[in-house]
Amino acid sequence: MPTAAALGVLASLARVLPRRLLYALAETAAALALPFFERRRLRIRNNLQRIRPDDSARQLNRAASEVFAETSRYYADLAILPTITPRQVLERHLHVSGLDHLLDAHRSGRGVVLTTAHISNPEVAVKALAALDIPAVALVEQLKDPRHLDAVNAARAAVGVEFLTATQTGVASALRTLRSGGVVCILWDRDRQGGGACVPFFGRQARFPAGAIDLAIRADAEVLPLYAVRRPGPDRLQFDVTFMPPLELLLKGNRALDTRTNIAGLARLFEPIIAEHAHLWRVAESPWAPCRDTPWDDPHPREHPTEARP
């Protein structure tokens, strides 16, 4: 079923079905879909094998199935979250740590690039921003199917934060938000549009988009990493959300090299997080394939912390 149609069905069911039943249906649909998406399952399994090379074949297969299930839960989230206010999401469904990092960065007035990976559902943290009255926009990748993008963004918009497509207009709006002291939310770990940088990731070169780092450099903004992990248990709409300290950017005045170096720092920071939650990492494309194991020389070694941006 096309994604746009599936979201419409889930949104209708979310108004009449108990939440647990809706998630159960989503998980059943994911299990039934596995045989029809074998190539996608194998790509996910290959990613998992890079991340967890010591796992057995059985463990990798189980984890790949769980990625499918988590993707279905994500779309169930999109159907359910518009029916819950941002304050209710923050108080009843999120278990937040490190919130002071976000609040302190926002109070600095420099603007904040809030960046994360496709682990579980990072958009629940975006809904928390609306509850905290923090002005924010989210910059999202373009999709080949415009109906898919429109359907997903319509569901996302209900969280109280504006979602912008990463076009020239969207990027310009994001920069204005940062320069006025606001927050821009962006994912860093999937380069569908191409043009990213190849950096070390689990022992090999992988390509990731430049957006989060490039925006921060251009707007002189903070980069604040976070991740959201769905809690196990009968209530699927429970998340642990962790805001980390601002990323220490290394800047030498060469924007291309600075961007690449700090993307490498972001990938290095998230490696252990993705390794721990690989079964929830919803990336089906290989980030390693575009790079062909090209060599890497870090032009800004981190042995010199005095060269970091104050």
C-alpha atoms as a PDB file:
ATOM      1  CA  MET A   1       0.000   0.000   0.000  1.00  0.00           C
ATOM      2  CA  PRO A   2       1.453   3.445  -0.886  1.00  0.00           C
ATOM      3  CA  THR A   3       2.616   5.363   2.156  1.00  0.00           C
ATOM      4  CA  ALA A   4       0.180   8.237   1.686  1.00  0.00           C
ATOM      5  CA  ALA A   5      -2.778   5.832   1.586  1.00  0.00           C
ATOM      6  CA  ALA A   6      -1.446   3.852   4.546  1.00  0.00           C
ATOM      7  CA  LEU A   7      -1.137   7.045   6.609  1.00  0.00           C
ATOM      8  CA  GLY A   8      -4.713   7.949   5.745  1.00  0.00           C
ATOM      9  CA  VAL A   9      -5.922   4.553   6.924  1.00  0.00           C
ATOM     10  CA  LEU A  10      -3.897   4.777  10.142  1.00  0.00           C
ATOM     11  CA  ALA A  11      -5.181   8.289  10.840  1.00  0.00           C
ATOM     12  CA  SER A  12      -8.771   7.065  10.480  1.00  0.00           C
ATOM     13  CA  LEU A  13      -8.141   4.034  12.684  1.00  0.00           C
ATOM     14  CA  ALA A  14      -6.413   6.182  15.309  1.00  0.00           C
ATOM     15  CA  ARG A  15      -9.706   7.984  15.923  1.00  0.00           C
ATOM     16  CA  VAL A  16     -11.639   4.804  16.725  1.00  0.00           C
ATOM     17  CA  LEU A  17      -9.208   2.122  17.893  1.00  0.00           C
ATOM     18  CA  PRO A  18      -7.400   1.822  21.236  1.00  0.00           C
ATOM     19  CA  ARG A  19      -3.759   2.816  20.907  1.00  0.00           C
ATOM     20  CA  ARG A  20      -2.425  -0.649  21.761  1.00  0.00           C
ATOM     21  CA  LEU A  21      -4.538  -2.259  19.057  1.00  0.00           C
ATOM     22  CA  LEU A  22      -3.337   0.242  16.469  1.00  0.00           C
ATOM     23  CA  TYR A  23       0.294  -0.572  17.258  1.00  0.00           C
ATOM     24  CA  ALA A  24      -0.480  -4.285  17.184  1.00  0.00           C
ATOM     25  CA  LEU A  25      -1.961  -3.880  13.700  1.00  0.00           C
ATOM     26  CA  ALA A  26       1.080  -1.892  12.566  1.00  0.00           C
ATOM     27  CA  GLU A  27       3.472  -4.565  13.859  1.00  0.00           C
ATOM     28  CA  THR A  28       1.432  -7.334  12.214  1.00  0.00           C
ATOM     29  CA  ALA A  29       1.489  -5.447   8.917  1.00  0.00           C
ATOM     30  CA  ALA A  30       5.284  -5.142   9.183  1.00  0.00           C
ATOM     31  CA  ALA A  31       5.662  -8.886   9.733  1.00  0.00           C
ATOM     32  CA  LEU A  32       3.393  -9.687   6.783  1.00  0.00           C
ATOM     33  CA  ALA A  33       5.268  -7.237   4.548  1.00  0.00           C
ATOM     34  CA  LEU A  34       8.699  -8.784   5.119  1.00  0.00           C
ATOM     35  CA  PRO A  35       8.509 -11.376   2.288  1.00  0.00           C
ATOM     36  CA  PHE A  36       7.485  -8.659  -0.196  1.00  0.00           C
ATOM     37  CA  PHE A  37      10.434  -6.376   0.669  1.00  0.00           C
ATOM     38  CA  GLU A  38      13.270  -8.883   0.651  1.00  0.00           C
ATOM     39  CA  ARG A  39      15.766  -6.562  -1.023  1.00  0.00           C
ATOM     40  CA  ARG A  40      15.060  -3.850   1.524  1.00  0.00           C
ATOM     41  CA  ARG A  41      15.360  -6.370   4.362  1.00  0.00           C
ATOM     42  CA  LEU A  42      18.736  -7.512   3.039  1.00  0.00           C
ATOM     43  CA  ARG A  43      20.018  -3.928   2.828  1.00  0.00           C
ATOM     44  CA  ILE A  44      18.964  -3.351   6.427  1.00  0.00           C
ATOM     45  CA  ARG A  45      20.580  -6.634   7.465  1.00  0.00           C
ATOM     46  CA  ASN A  46      23.813  -5.632   5.704  1.00  0.00           C
ATOM     47  CA  ASN A  47      23.827  -2.338   7.613  1.00  0.00           C
ATOM     48  CA  LEU A  48      23.317  -4.214  10.862  1.00  0.00           C
ATOM     49  CA  GLN A  49      26.165  -6.582  10.037  1.00  0.00           C
ATOM     50  CA  ARG A  50      28.512  -3.614   9.586  1.00  0.00           C
ATOM     51  CA  ILE A  51      27.411  -2.213  12.926  1.00  0.00           C
ATOM     52  CA  ARG A  52      27.355  -5.507  14.851  1.00  0.00           C
ATOM     53  CA  PRO A  53      29.858  -7.798  13.096  1.00  0.00           C
ATOM     54  CA  ASP A  54      29.894 -10.285  15.981  1.00  0.00           C
ATOM     55  CA  ASP A  55      26.144 -10.961  15.885  1.00  0.00           C
ATOM     56  CA  SER A  56      24.960 -14.344  14.640  1.00  0.00           C
ATOM     57  CA  ALA A  57      22.856 -14.727  11.502  1.00  0.00           C
ATOM     58  CA  ARG A  58      19.821 -15.349  13.678  1.00  0.00           C
ATOM     59  CA  GLN A  59      20.434 -12.166  15.692  1.00  0.00           C
ATOM     60  CA  LEU A  60      20.867 -10.108  12.523  1.00  0.00           C
ATOM     61  CA  ASN A  61      17.671 -11.483  10.989  1.00  0.00           C
ATOM     62  CA  ARG A  62      15.731 -10.745  14.163  1.00  0.00           C
ATOM     63  CA  ALA A  63      17.133  -7.206  14.319  1.00  0.00           C
ATOM     64  CA  ALA A  64      16.261  -6.568  10.650  1.00  0.00           C
ATOM     65  CA  SER A  65      12.672  -7.660  11.339  1.00  0.00           C
ATOM     66  CA  GLU A  66      12.602  -5.308  14.305  1.00  0.00           C
ATOM     67  CA  VAL A  67      13.654  -2.391  12.087  1.00  0.00           C
ATOM     68  CA  PHE A  68      10.611  -3.137   9.906  1.00  0.00           C
ATOM     69  CA  ALA A  69       8.397  -3.252  12.999  1.00  0.00           C
ATOM     70  CA  GLU A  70       9.831   0.028  14.311  1.00  0.00           C
ATOM     71  CA  THR A  71       9.181   1.704  10.967  1.00  0.00           C
ATOM     72  CA  SER A  72       5.536   0.627  11.164  1.00  0.00           C
ATOM     73  CA  ARG A  73       5.333   1.936  14.737  1.00  0.00           C
ATOM     74  CA  TYR A  74       6.744   5.241  13.502  1.00  0.00           C
ATOM     75  CA  TYR A  75       3.865   5.611  11.033  1.00  0.00           C
ATOM     76  CA  ALA A  76       1.424   4.701  13.791  1.00  0.00           C
ATOM     77  CA  ASP A  77       3.017   7.496  15.844  1.00  0.00           C
ATOM     78  CA  LEU A  78       2.357   9.928  12.995  1.00  0.00           C
ATOM     79  CA  ALA A  79      -1.317   8.988  13.103  1.00  0.00           C
ATOM     80  CA  ILE A  80      -1.618   9.213  16.894  1.00  0.00           C
ATOM     81  CA  LEU A  81       0.492  12.246  17.850  1.00  0.00           C
ATOM     82  CA  PRO A  82      -1.793  14.855  16.205  1.00  0.00           C
ATOM     83  CA  THR A  83      -4.525  13.761  18.653  1.00  0.00           C
ATOM     84  CA  ILE A  84      -2.346  14.584  21.686  1.00  0.00           C
ATOM     85  CA  THR A  85      -1.296  18.079  22.751  1.00  0.00           C
ATOM     86  CA  PRO A  86       2.420  18.909  22.946  1.00  0.00           C
ATOM     87  CA  ARG A  87       2.141  19.370  26.726  1.00  0.00           C
ATOM     88  CA  GLN A  88       0.566  15.921  27.127  1.00  0.00           C
ATOM     89  CA  VAL A  89       3.286  14.360  24.988  1.00  0.00           C
ATOM     90  CA  LEU A  90       6.009  15.983  27.081  1.00  0.00           C
ATOM     91  CA  GLU A  91       4.467  15.111  30.439  1.00  0.00           C
ATOM     92  CA  ARG A  92       3.002  11.657  29.737  1.00  0.00           C
ATOM     93  CA  HIS A  93       5.038  10.098  26.955  1.00  0.00           C
ATOM     94  CA  LEU A  94       8.595  11.439  27.138  1.00  0.00           C
ATOM     95  CA  HIS A  95      11.211  10.628  29.752  1.00  0.00           C
ATOM     96  CA  VAL A  96      13.713  13.409  29.180  1.00  0.00           C
ATOM     97  CA  SER A  97      17.296  13.761  30.345  1.00  0.00           C
ATOM     98  CA  GLY A  98      19.698  16.588  29.596  1.00  0.00           C
ATOM     99  CA  LEU A  99      16.959  19.147  28.977  1.00  0.00           C
ATOM    100  CA  ASP A 100      19.173  21.831  30.540  1.00  0.00           C
ATOM    101  CA  HIS A 101      21.543  21.472  27.577  1.00  0.00           C
ATOM    102  CA  LEU A 102      18.726  22.543  25.265  1.00  0.00           C
ATOM    103  CA  LEU A 103      17.472  25.332  27.495  1.00  0.00           C
ATOM    104  CA  ASP A 104      20.964  26.751  28.084  1.00  0.00           C
ATOM    105  CA  ALA A 105      21.808  26.629  24.375  1.00  0.00           C
ATOM    106  CA  HIS A 106      18.536  28.366  23.505  1.00  0.00           C
ATOM    107  CA  ARG A 107      19.100  31.080  26.126  1.00  0.00           C
ATOM    108  CA  SER A 108      22.487  31.856  24.601  1.00  0.00           C
ATOM    109  CA  GLY A 109      20.629  33.524  21.729  1.00  0.00           C
ATOM    110  CA  ARG A 110      22.973  32.106  19.082  1.00  0.00           C
ATOM    111  CA  GLY A 111      20.466  29.716  17.564  1.00  0.00           C
ATOM    112  CA  VAL A 112      20.504  25.947  17.935  1.00  0.00           C
ATOM    113  CA  VAL A 113      20.792  23.206  15.327  1.00  0.00           C
ATOM    114  CA  LEU A 114      19.095  20.255  17.017  1.00  0.00           C
ATOM    115  CA  THR A 115      20.268  17.131  15.225  1.00  0.00           C
ATOM    116  CA  THR A 116      19.661  13.423  15.586  1.00  0.00           C
ATOM    117  CA  ALA A 117      19.530  10.088  13.774  1.00  0.00           C
ATOM    118  CA  HIS A 118      16.683   7.930  12.460  1.00  0.00           C
ATOM    119  CA  ILE A 119      16.417   6.021  15.736  1.00  0.00           C
ATOM    120  CA  SER A 120      12.810   5.195  16.722  1.00  0.00           C
ATOM    121  CA  ASN A 121      10.908   8.471  16.299  1.00  0.00           C
ATOM    122  CA  PRO A 122      13.008  11.635  16.742  1.00  0.00           C
ATOM    123  CA  GLU A 123       9.959  13.784  16.025  1.00  0.00           C
ATOM    124  CA  VAL A 124       8.586  13.230  19.520  1.00  0.00           C
ATOM    125  CA  ALA A 125      11.363  15.516  20.750  1.00  0.00           C
ATOM    126  CA  VAL A 126      10.234  18.140  18.226  1.00  0.00           C
ATOM    127  CA  LYS A 127       6.787  18.055  19.781  1.00  0.00           C
ATOM    128  CA  ALA A 128       8.384  18.793  23.166  1.00  0.00           C
ATOM    129  CA  LEU A 129       9.748  22.048  21.721  1.00  0.00           C
ATOM    130  CA  ALA A 130       6.195  23.205  21.043  1.00  0.00           C
ATOM    131  CA  ALA A 131       5.275  22.410  24.655  1.00  0.00           C
ATOM    132  CA  LEU A 132       8.250  24.491  25.866  1.00  0.00           C
ATOM    133  CA  ASP A 133       7.309  27.436  23.604  1.00  0.00           C
ATOM    134  CA  ILE A 134      10.694  27.324  21.871  1.00  0.00           C
ATOM    135  CA  PRO A 135      10.441  28.720  18.324  1.00  0.00           C
ATOM    136  CA  ALA A 136      11.572  26.000  15.945  1.00  0.00           C
ATOM    137  CA  VAL A 137      11.359  24.692  12.418  1.00  0.00           C
ATOM    138  CA  ALA A 138      12.308  21.243  11.127  1.00  0.00           C
ATOM    139  CA  LEU A 139      14.185  20.781   7.871  1.00  0.00           C
ATOM    140  CA  VAL A 140      13.359  17.483   6.149  1.00  0.00           C
ATOM    141  CA  GLU A 141      14.695  15.709   3.069  1.00  0.00           C
ATOM    142  CA  GLN A 142      12.911  15.757  -0.263  1.00  0.00           C
ATOM    143  CA  LEU A 143      11.241  12.516  -1.313  1.00  0.00           C
ATOM    144  CA  LYS A 144      10.731  11.150  -4.817  1.00  0.00           C
ATOM    145  CA  ASP A 145       7.015  10.659  -4.205  1.00  0.00           C
ATOM    146  CA  PRO A 146       5.448  14.092  -3.502  1.00  0.00           C
ATOM    147  CA  ARG A 147       2.249  12.468  -2.179  1.00  0.00           C
ATOM    148  CA  HIS A 148       4.311  10.581   0.394  1.00  0.00           C
ATOM    149  CA  LEU A 149       6.045  13.808   1.464  1.00  0.00           C
ATOM    150  CA  ASP A 150       2.775  15.758   1.630  1.00  0.00           C
ATOM    151  CA  ALA A 151       1.084  13.060   3.715  1.00  0.00           C
ATOM    152  CA  VAL A 152       3.979  12.751   6.153  1.00  0.00           C
ATOM    153  CA  ASN A 153       4.408  16.517   6.497  1.00  0.00           C
ATOM    154  CA  ALA A 154       0.677  16.987   7.071  1.00  0.00           C
ATOM    155  CA  ALA A 155       0.887  14.585  10.011  1.00  0.00           C
ATOM    156  CA  ARG A 156       4.112  16.179  11.234  1.00  0.00           C
ATOM    157  CA  ALA A 157       2.669  19.708  11.097  1.00  0.00           C
ATOM    158  CA  ALA A 158       0.167  18.807  13.788  1.00  0.00           C
ATOM    159  CA  VAL A 159       2.963  18.667  16.357  1.00  0.00           C
ATOM    160  CA  GLY A 160       3.060  22.470  16.472  1.00  0.00           C
ATOM    161  CA  VAL A 161       6.379  22.953  14.647  1.00  0.00           C
ATOM    162  CA  GLU A 162       6.710  23.962  10.991  1.00  0.00           C
ATOM    163  CA  PHE A 163       8.321  21.361   8.726  1.00  0.00           C
ATOM    164  CA  LEU A 164      10.266  22.688   5.740  1.00  0.00           C
ATOM    165  CA  THR A 165      11.574  20.724   2.768  1.00  0.00           C
ATOM    166  CA  ALA A 166      15.330  21.075   2.217  1.00  0.00           C
ATOM    167  CA  THR A 167      15.036  23.233  -0.878  1.00  0.00           C
ATOM    168  CA  GLN A 168      16.787  26.569  -1.379  1.00  0.00           C
ATOM    169  CA  THR A 169      13.735  28.317   0.099  1.00  0.00           C
ATOM    170  CA  GLY A 170      13.570  25.957   3.069  1.00  0.00           C
ATOM    171  CA  VAL A 171      17.262  26.343   3.851  1.00  0.00           C
ATOM    172  CA  ALA A 172      16.977  30.136   3.673  1.00  0.00           C
ATOM    173  CA  SER A 173      14.077  30.047   6.127  1.00  0.00           C
ATOM    174  CA  ALA A 174      16.055  27.758   8.453  1.00  0.00           C
ATOM    175  CA  LEU A 175      18.989  30.178   8.418  1.00  0.00           C
ATOM    176  CA  ARG A 176      16.696  33.081   9.311  1.00  0.00           C
ATOM    177  CA  THR A 177      15.344  31.053  12.232  1.00  0.00           C
ATOM    178  CA  LEU A 178      18.852  30.353  13.530  1.00  0.00           C
ATOM    179  CA  ARG A 179      20.047  33.926  13.133  1.00  0.00           C
ATOM    180  CA  SER A 180      17.054  35.122  15.138  1.00  0.00           C
ATOM    181  CA  GLY A 181      17.968  32.751  17.984  1.00  0.00           C
ATOM    182  CA  GLY A 182      15.527  29.948  17.148  1.00  0.00           C
ATOM    183  CA  VAL A 183      15.949  26.199  16.786  1.00  0.00           C
ATOM    184  CA  VAL A 184      16.258  24.172  13.583  1.00  0.00           C
ATOM    185  CA  CYS A 185      15.735  20.404  13.818  1.00  0.00           C
ATOM    186  CA  ILE A 186      17.471  18.235  11.238  1.00  0.00           C
ATOM    187  CA  LEU A 187      18.482  14.597  10.823  1.00  0.00           C
ATOM    188  CA  TRP A 188      22.121  13.962   9.981  1.00  0.00           C
ATOM    189  CA  ASP A 189      22.387  10.250   9.095  1.00  0.00           C
ATOM    190  CA  ARG A 190      20.794   9.709   5.651  1.00  0.00           C
ATOM    191  CA  ASP A 191      22.055  11.376   2.477  1.00  0.00           C
ATOM    192  CA  ARG A 192      19.280  10.761  -0.028  1.00  0.00           C
ATOM    193  CA  GLN A 193      19.961  13.961  -1.951  1.00  0.00           C
ATOM    194  CA  GLY A 194      23.673  13.262  -2.426  1.00  0.00           C
ATOM    195  CA  GLY A 195      26.490  15.730  -1.999  1.00  0.00           C
ATOM    196  CA  GLY A 196      27.384  14.708   1.534  1.00  0.00           C
ATOM    197  CA  ALA A 197      30.816  13.934   2.955  1.00  0.00           C
ATOM    198  CA  CYS A 198      32.552  10.577   3.364  1.00  0.00           C
ATOM    199  CA  VAL A 199      33.734  10.136   6.955  1.00  0.00           C
ATOM    200  CA  PRO A 200      34.730   7.207   9.185  1.00  0.00           C
ATOM    201  CA  PHE A 201      31.777   5.198  10.481  1.00  0.00           C
ATOM    202  CA  PHE A 202      32.158   1.770  12.075  1.00  0.00           C
ATOM    203  CA  GLY A 203      35.591   1.303  10.570  1.00  0.00           C
ATOM    204  CA  ARG A 204      34.788   2.261   6.972  1.00  0.00           C
ATOM    205  CA  GLN A 205      34.003   5.407   5.019  1.00  0.00           C
ATOM    206  CA  ALA A 206      30.306   6.343   4.975  1.00  0.00           C
ATOM    207  CA  ARG A 207      28.554   9.315   3.385  1.00  0.00           C
ATOM    208  CA  PHE A 208      26.361  11.616   5.453  1.00  0.00           C
ATOM    209  CA  PRO A 209      24.646  14.904   4.583  1.00  0.00           C
ATOM    210  CA  ALA A 210      26.275  18.217   5.417  1.00  0.00           C
ATOM    211  CA  GLY A 211      23.080  20.055   6.367  1.00  0.00           C
ATOM    212  CA  ALA A 212      23.314  20.133  10.165  1.00  0.00           C
ATOM    213  CA  ILE A 213      26.938  21.232  10.278  1.00  0.00           C
ATOM    214  CA  ASP A 214      26.708  23.585   7.307  1.00  0.00           C
ATOM    215  CA  LEU A 215      23.745  25.439   8.795  1.00  0.00           C
ATOM    216  CA  ALA A 216      25.521  25.813  12.144  1.00  0.00           C
ATOM    217  CA  ILE A 217      28.683  27.189  10.543  1.00  0.00           C
ATOM    218  CA  ARG A 218      26.795  29.627   8.315  1.00  0.00           C
ATOM    219  CA  ALA A 219      24.623  30.915  11.172  1.00  0.00           C
ATOM    220  CA  ASP A 220      27.268  30.673  13.930  1.00  0.00           C
ATOM    221  CA  ALA A 221      24.834  28.467  15.846  1.00  0.00           C
ATOM    222  CA  GLU A 222      25.220  25.733  18.439  1.00  0.00           C
ATOM    223  CA  VAL A 223      24.926  22.076  17.369  1.00  0.00           C
ATOM    224  CA  LEU A 224      23.004  20.115  19.977  1.00  0.00           C
ATOM    225  CA  PRO A 225      22.754  16.338  19.422  1.00  0.00           C
ATOM    226  CA  LEU A 226      19.870  14.300  20.819  1.00  0.00           C
ATOM    227  CA  TYR A 227      18.303  10.884  20.404  1.00  0.00           C
ATOM    228  CA  ALA A 228      14.930   9.352  21.230  1.00  0.00           C
ATOM    229  CA  VAL A 229      14.495   5.636  21.922  1.00  0.00           C
ATOM    230  CA  ARG A 230      11.157   3.869  22.201  1.00  0.00           C
ATOM    231  CA  ARG A 231      10.806   2.103  25.536  1.00  0.00           C
ATOM    232  CA  PRO A 232       9.968  -1.601  25.551  1.00  0.00           C
ATOM    233  CA  GLY A 233       6.629  -2.497  27.080  1.00  0.00           C
ATOM    234  CA  PRO A 234       2.926  -2.590  26.304  1.00  0.00           C
ATOM    235  CA  ASP A 235       2.607   1.189  25.843  1.00  0.00           C
ATOM    236  CA  ARG A 236       4.438   1.788  22.570  1.00  0.00           C
ATOM    237  CA  LEU A 237       4.153   5.571  22.885  1.00  0.00           C
ATOM    238  CA  GLN A 238       6.822   5.936  25.572  1.00  0.00           C
ATOM    239  CA  PHE A 239      10.251   7.331  24.738  1.00  0.00           C
ATOM    240  CA  ASP A 240      13.531   8.048  26.465  1.00  0.00           C
ATOM    241  CA  VAL A 241      14.776  11.361  25.048  1.00  0.00           C
ATOM    242  CA  THR A 242      18.372  12.403  25.703  1.00  0.00           C
ATOM    243  CA  PHE A 243      19.724  15.868  24.934  1.00  0.00           C
ATOM    244  CA  MET A 244      23.516  15.847  24.820  1.00  0.00           C
ATOM    245  CA  PRO A 245      25.936  18.738  25.384  1.00  0.00           C
ATOM    246  CA  PRO A 246      26.622  21.001  22.396  1.00  0.00           C
ATOM    247  CA  LEU A 247      29.060  19.569  19.869  1.00  0.00           C
ATOM    248  CA  GLU A 248      32.457  21.241  20.026  1.00  0.00           C
ATOM    249  CA  LEU A 249      32.963  22.491  16.489  1.00  0.00           C
ATOM    250  CA  LEU A 250      36.498  22.679  15.100  1.00  0.00           C
ATOM    251  CA  LEU A 251      36.839  25.589  12.701  1.00  0.00           C
ATOM    252  CA  LYS A 252      39.885  26.652  10.673  1.00  0.00           C
ATOM    253  CA  GLY A 253      38.218  28.967   8.167  1.00  0.00           C
ATOM    254  CA  ASN A 254      37.952  26.504   5.272  1.00  0.00           C
ATOM    255  CA  ARG A 255      34.227  25.807   5.194  1.00  0.00           C
ATOM    256  CA  ALA A 256      34.408  22.629   3.116  1.00  0.00           C
ATOM    257  CA  LEU A 257      37.056  21.045   5.349  1.00  0.00           C
ATOM    258  CA  ASP A 258      35.420  22.346   8.513  1.00  0.00           C
ATOM    259  CA  THR A 259      32.104  20.856   7.459  1.00  0.00           C
ATOM    260  CA  ARG A 260      33.634  17.480   6.664  1.00  0.00           C
ATOM    261  CA  THR A 261      35.632  17.346   9.899  1.00  0.00           C
ATOM    262  CA  ASN A 262      32.637  18.151  12.070  1.00  0.00           C
ATOM    263  CA  ILE A 263      30.414  15.663  10.247  1.00  0.00           C
ATOM    264  CA  ALA A 264      33.072  13.114  11.212  1.00  0.00           C
ATOM    265  CA  GLY A 265      32.776  14.272  14.817  1.00  0.00           C
ATOM    266  CA  LEU A 266      29.008  13.873  14.710  1.00  0.00           C
ATOM    267  CA  ALA A 267      29.292  10.364  13.256  1.00  0.00           C
ATOM    268  CA  ARG A 268      31.861   9.439  15.913  1.00  0.00           C
ATOM    269  CA  LEU A 269      29.572  10.702  18.665  1.00  0.00           C
ATOM    270  CA  PHE A 270      26.604   8.651  17.432  1.00  0.00           C
ATOM    271  CA  GLU A 271      28.482   5.417  16.720  1.00  0.00           C
ATOM    272  CA  PRO A 272      27.966   3.873  20.199  1.00  0.00           C
ATOM    273  CA  ILE A 273      24.358   5.096  20.309  1.00  0.00           C
ATOM    274  CA  ILE A 274      23.507   3.515  16.949  1.00  0.00           C
ATOM    275  CA  ALA A 275      25.392   0.343  17.920  1.00  0.00           C
ATOM    276  CA  GLU A 276      23.294   0.014  21.076  1.00  0.00           C
ATOM    277  CA  HIS A 277      20.012   0.712  19.290  1.00  0.00           C
ATOM    278  CA  ALA A 278      20.781  -0.697  15.827  1.00  0.00           C
ATOM    279  CA  HIS A 279      17.496  -2.659  15.831  1.00  0.00           C
ATOM    280  CA  LEU A 280      15.697   0.711  15.974  1.00  0.00           C
ATOM    281  CA  TRP A 281      17.833   2.510  13.340  1.00  0.00           C
ATOM    282  CA  ARG A 282      15.406   3.055  10.453  1.00  0.00           C
ATOM    283  CA  VAL A 283      17.902   3.470   7.597  1.00  0.00           C
ATOM    284  CA  ALA A 284      17.551   1.029   4.708  1.00  0.00           C
ATOM    285  CA  GLU A 285      20.111   2.608   2.381  1.00  0.00           C
ATOM    286  CA  SER A 286      23.807   1.824   2.847  1.00  0.00           C
ATOM    287  CA  PRO A 287      25.746   4.940   3.891  1.00  0.00           C
ATOM    288  CA  TRP A 288      28.978   3.064   3.049  1.00  0.00           C
ATOM    289  CA  ALA A 289      28.206   2.204  -0.580  1.00  0.00           C
ATOM    290  CA  PRO A 290      28.773   5.704  -2.088  1.00  0.00           C
ATOM    291  CA  CYS A 291      32.259   6.062  -0.555  1.00  0.00           C
ATOM    292  CA  ARG A 292      33.998   2.864  -1.719  1.00  0.00           C
ATOM    293  CA  ASP A 293      36.344   2.938   1.272  1.00  0.00           C
ATOM    294  CA  THR A 294      38.113   6.135   0.252  1.00  0.00           C
ATOM    295  CA  PRO A 295      41.009   7.125   2.542  1.00  0.00           C
ATOM    296  CA  TRP A 296      40.464   9.621   5.317  1.00  0.00           C
ATOM    297  CA  ASP A 297      42.879  12.178   6.739  1.00  0.00           C
ATOM    298  CA  ASP A 298      41.419  14.404   9.429  1.00  0.00           C
ATOM    299  CA  PRO A 299      42.682  17.930   8.636  1.00  0.00           C
ATOM    300  CA  HIS A 300      41.732  19.134  12.117  1.00  0.00           C
ATOM    301  CA  PRO A 301      43.061  16.623  14.700  1.00  0.00           C
ATOM    302  CA  ARG A 302      41.259  16.887  18.010  1.00  0.00           C
ATOM    303  CA  GLU A 303      44.454  16.776  20.039  1.00  0.00           C
ATOM    304  CA  HIS A 304      44.374  20.589  19.936  1.00  0.00           C
ATOM    305  CA  PRO A 305      41.216  21.659  21.824  1.00  0.00           C
ATOM    306  CA  THR A 306      42.314  25.295  21.810  1.00  0.00           C
ATOM    307  CA  GLU A 307      41.486  25.377  18.109  1.00  0.00           C
ATOM    308  CA  ALA A 308      37.837  24.699  18.818  1.00  0.00           C
ATOM    309  CA  ARG A 309      35.282  27.431  18.428  1.00  0.00           C
ATOM    310  CA  PRO A 310      34.677  29.217  21.755  1.00  0.00           C
END
